[in-house]
N, C-alpha and C. Protein backbone atom coordinates (compact mmCIF):
# COMPACT_ATOMS: atom_id res chain seq x y z
N MET A 1 180.09 93.35 227.41
CA MET A 1 181.31 93.30 228.19
C MET A 1 182.37 92.61 227.36
N PHE A 2 183.59 93.03 227.52
CA PHE A 2 184.68 92.53 226.71
C PHE A 2 185.82 92.13 227.63
N THR A 3 186.36 90.95 227.43
CA THR A 3 187.45 90.49 228.28
C THR A 3 188.54 89.86 227.44
N TRP A 4 189.78 90.09 227.80
CA TRP A 4 190.93 89.52 227.09
C TRP A 4 191.41 88.25 227.78
N ASN A 5 190.85 87.93 228.92
CA ASN A 5 191.27 86.76 229.68
C ASN A 5 190.46 85.55 229.21
N PRO A 6 191.11 84.54 228.59
CA PRO A 6 190.37 83.39 228.07
C PRO A 6 189.65 82.59 229.16
N ASP A 7 190.24 82.50 230.34
CA ASP A 7 189.59 81.76 231.42
C ASP A 7 188.31 82.47 231.86
N LYS A 8 188.35 83.79 231.94
CA LYS A 8 187.17 84.57 232.31
C LYS A 8 186.11 84.45 231.22
N SER A 9 186.52 84.45 229.95
CA SER A 9 185.58 84.29 228.85
C SER A 9 184.88 82.94 228.93
N LEU A 10 185.63 81.90 229.20
CA LEU A 10 185.07 80.56 229.32
C LEU A 10 184.09 80.50 230.49
N GLU A 11 184.43 81.16 231.57
CA GLU A 11 183.55 81.20 232.74
C GLU A 11 182.23 81.88 232.40
N ILE A 12 182.28 82.96 231.63
CA ILE A 12 181.08 83.68 231.23
C ILE A 12 180.21 82.81 230.32
N VAL A 13 180.85 82.11 229.37
CA VAL A 13 180.12 81.23 228.46
C VAL A 13 179.46 80.11 229.25
N ARG A 14 180.18 79.53 230.19
CA ARG A 14 179.61 78.45 231.02
C ARG A 14 178.40 78.94 231.80
N GLU A 15 178.48 80.17 232.28
CA GLU A 15 177.38 80.73 233.06
C GLU A 15 176.12 80.80 232.22
N PHE A 16 176.24 81.19 230.95
CA PHE A 16 175.08 81.32 230.08
C PHE A 16 174.66 80.00 229.46
N MET A 17 175.61 79.15 229.10
CA MET A 17 175.30 77.94 228.36
C MET A 17 175.24 76.70 229.24
N GLY A 18 175.74 76.75 230.42
CA GLY A 18 175.76 75.59 231.28
C GLY A 18 177.14 74.94 231.26
N ASP A 19 177.32 73.90 232.07
CA ASP A 19 178.62 73.25 232.22
C ASP A 19 178.99 72.36 231.04
N GLU A 20 178.03 72.01 230.16
CA GLU A 20 178.36 71.12 229.05
C GLU A 20 179.29 71.79 228.03
N VAL A 21 179.35 73.10 228.04
CA VAL A 21 180.25 73.82 227.13
C VAL A 21 181.62 73.91 227.77
N GLY A 22 182.63 73.46 227.05
CA GLY A 22 184.00 73.58 227.52
C GLY A 22 184.28 72.81 228.78
N THR A 23 183.96 71.52 228.79
CA THR A 23 184.19 70.74 229.99
C THR A 23 185.67 70.61 230.30
N GLN A 24 186.52 70.65 229.26
CA GLN A 24 187.95 70.62 229.50
C GLN A 24 188.45 72.06 229.55
N LYS A 25 189.01 72.41 230.66
CA LYS A 25 189.50 73.76 230.83
C LYS A 25 190.89 73.86 230.22
N LYS A 26 191.01 74.70 229.21
CA LYS A 26 192.29 74.88 228.54
C LYS A 26 192.87 76.22 228.95
N SER A 27 194.15 76.23 229.11
CA SER A 27 194.83 77.46 229.44
C SER A 27 195.53 77.97 228.18
N PHE A 28 195.29 79.21 227.86
CA PHE A 28 195.89 79.81 226.69
C PHE A 28 197.07 80.69 227.11
N PRO A 29 198.13 80.70 226.31
CA PRO A 29 199.25 81.56 226.67
C PRO A 29 198.87 83.03 226.48
N VAL A 30 199.36 83.84 227.37
CA VAL A 30 199.11 85.27 227.27
C VAL A 30 200.17 85.86 226.33
N VAL A 31 199.69 86.53 225.29
CA VAL A 31 200.60 87.13 224.31
C VAL A 31 200.69 88.61 224.58
N LYS A 32 201.90 89.07 224.79
CA LYS A 32 202.11 90.49 225.03
C LYS A 32 202.09 91.22 223.70
N LYS A 33 201.73 92.48 223.73
CA LYS A 33 201.62 93.27 222.52
C LYS A 33 202.93 93.30 221.75
N SER A 34 204.04 93.31 222.43
CA SER A 34 205.33 93.37 221.76
C SER A 34 205.66 92.08 221.03
N GLN A 35 204.97 90.97 221.36
CA GLN A 35 205.24 89.69 220.73
C GLN A 35 204.45 89.50 219.44
N VAL A 36 203.43 90.32 219.21
CA VAL A 36 202.59 90.18 218.03
C VAL A 36 203.36 90.67 216.82
N ASN A 37 203.36 89.85 215.76
CA ASN A 37 204.06 90.23 214.55
C ASN A 37 203.28 91.31 213.82
N ASN A 38 203.95 92.38 213.46
CA ASN A 38 203.34 93.46 212.72
C ASN A 38 203.46 93.14 211.24
N PRO A 39 202.36 93.12 210.46
CA PRO A 39 202.44 92.75 209.05
C PRO A 39 203.32 93.70 208.23
N THR A 40 203.40 94.94 208.64
CA THR A 40 204.30 95.87 207.95
C THR A 40 205.39 96.28 208.92
N SER A 41 206.60 96.22 208.47
CA SER A 41 207.71 96.56 209.36
C SER A 41 207.86 98.07 209.52
N ASN A 42 207.38 98.84 208.56
CA ASN A 42 207.50 100.30 208.64
C ASN A 42 206.36 100.87 209.47
N PRO A 43 206.69 101.65 210.49
CA PRO A 43 205.61 102.29 211.23
C PRO A 43 204.96 103.37 210.37
N LYS A 44 203.63 103.38 210.34
CA LYS A 44 202.90 104.33 209.51
C LYS A 44 202.63 105.59 210.32
N SER A 45 202.47 106.68 209.60
CA SER A 45 202.10 107.91 210.28
C SER A 45 200.62 107.83 210.64
N LYS A 46 200.21 108.66 211.56
CA LYS A 46 198.81 108.67 212.00
C LYS A 46 197.89 108.99 210.83
N LYS A 47 198.32 109.93 209.99
CA LYS A 47 197.49 110.32 208.84
C LYS A 47 197.30 109.13 207.89
N GLU A 48 198.35 108.35 207.66
CA GLU A 48 198.23 107.17 206.79
C GLU A 48 197.29 106.14 207.39
N GLU A 49 197.35 105.97 208.70
CA GLU A 49 196.46 105.02 209.37
C GLU A 49 195.01 105.45 209.24
N VAL A 50 194.76 106.76 209.42
CA VAL A 50 193.39 107.27 209.30
C VAL A 50 192.90 107.12 207.87
N LEU A 51 193.75 107.42 206.89
CA LEU A 51 193.38 107.28 205.49
C LEU A 51 193.07 105.82 205.14
N GLN A 52 193.88 104.90 205.65
CA GLN A 52 193.66 103.49 205.39
C GLN A 52 192.34 103.02 206.01
N SER A 53 192.05 103.46 207.21
CA SER A 53 190.79 103.09 207.87
C SER A 53 189.59 103.66 207.11
N LEU A 54 189.72 104.91 206.69
CA LEU A 54 188.66 105.56 205.95
C LEU A 54 188.41 104.86 204.61
N GLU A 55 189.49 104.49 203.94
CA GLU A 55 189.37 103.78 202.67
C GLU A 55 188.66 102.44 202.85
N TYR A 56 189.02 101.74 203.92
CA TYR A 56 188.38 100.45 204.20
C TYR A 56 186.88 100.63 204.44
N LEU A 57 186.52 101.59 205.28
CA LEU A 57 185.11 101.77 205.61
C LEU A 57 184.30 102.20 204.39
N LYS A 58 184.89 103.05 203.56
CA LYS A 58 184.17 103.50 202.36
C LYS A 58 184.02 102.38 201.33
N SER A 59 184.93 101.40 201.34
CA SER A 59 184.88 100.33 200.36
C SER A 59 183.90 99.21 200.73
N LYS A 60 183.40 99.22 201.97
CA LYS A 60 182.46 98.18 202.39
C LYS A 60 181.17 98.28 201.58
N GLN A 61 180.65 97.13 201.16
CA GLN A 61 179.42 97.10 200.37
C GLN A 61 178.22 97.55 201.21
N VAL A 62 178.09 97.00 202.41
CA VAL A 62 176.99 97.34 203.31
C VAL A 62 177.57 98.07 204.51
N LYS A 63 177.12 99.29 204.70
CA LYS A 63 177.64 100.10 205.80
C LYS A 63 176.59 100.20 206.91
N THR A 64 177.03 99.90 208.13
CA THR A 64 176.15 100.04 209.28
C THR A 64 176.13 101.49 209.73
N LYS A 65 175.25 101.79 210.67
CA LYS A 65 175.20 103.16 211.21
C LYS A 65 176.54 103.51 211.86
N GLN A 66 177.13 102.53 212.54
CA GLN A 66 178.41 102.76 213.19
C GLN A 66 179.49 103.05 212.13
N ASP A 67 179.45 102.34 211.00
CA ASP A 67 180.41 102.60 209.92
C ASP A 67 180.26 104.02 209.41
N LYS A 68 179.03 104.45 209.20
CA LYS A 68 178.77 105.81 208.69
C LYS A 68 179.26 106.86 209.69
N ASP A 69 179.00 106.61 210.97
CA ASP A 69 179.48 107.54 212.00
C ASP A 69 181.01 107.57 212.03
N SER A 70 181.63 106.41 211.86
CA SER A 70 183.10 106.34 211.87
C SER A 70 183.68 107.06 210.66
N ILE A 71 183.04 106.91 209.51
CA ILE A 71 183.50 107.61 208.30
C ILE A 71 183.48 109.11 208.54
N TYR A 72 182.38 109.61 209.08
CA TYR A 72 182.26 111.04 209.37
C TYR A 72 183.35 111.49 210.35
N THR A 73 183.55 110.72 211.40
CA THR A 73 184.55 111.07 212.41
C THR A 73 185.95 111.09 211.79
N LEU A 74 186.28 110.08 210.99
CA LEU A 74 187.61 110.03 210.37
C LEU A 74 187.81 111.17 209.39
N GLU A 75 186.76 111.55 208.67
CA GLU A 75 186.87 112.70 207.76
C GLU A 75 187.13 113.98 208.53
N MET A 76 186.50 114.13 209.68
CA MET A 76 186.74 115.32 210.50
C MET A 76 188.15 115.33 211.07
N VAL A 77 188.64 114.16 211.45
CA VAL A 77 190.01 114.07 211.96
C VAL A 77 191.00 114.46 210.86
N LEU A 78 190.77 113.96 209.64
CA LEU A 78 191.64 114.30 208.52
C LEU A 78 191.61 115.79 208.23
N LYS A 79 190.41 116.37 208.31
CA LYS A 79 190.29 117.80 208.05
C LYS A 79 191.06 118.61 209.08
N SER A 80 191.04 118.16 210.33
CA SER A 80 191.75 118.88 211.38
C SER A 80 193.26 118.69 211.29
N MET A 81 193.70 117.56 210.66
CA MET A 81 195.14 117.33 210.47
C MET A 81 195.72 118.25 209.40
N GLY A 82 194.86 118.69 208.51
CA GLY A 82 195.30 119.62 207.47
C GLY A 82 195.88 119.03 206.26
């Protein structure tokens, strides 16, 4: 299960680990997607994004089954883009 709510995450951790974890409840600010700084100011095309992802996955020293499946999927997407 995946949650973006820090309070809910803390609650889940407490449930598994007990109350000694995170005794001080901290509230985290919610960051909207528009507030996140984009490292590149130029929007990339979809093809460039797929190529960059494919390059990253192929450059990994140890590839998991999921990595191999993703490489295959990205190659098929590129092939269909033409």
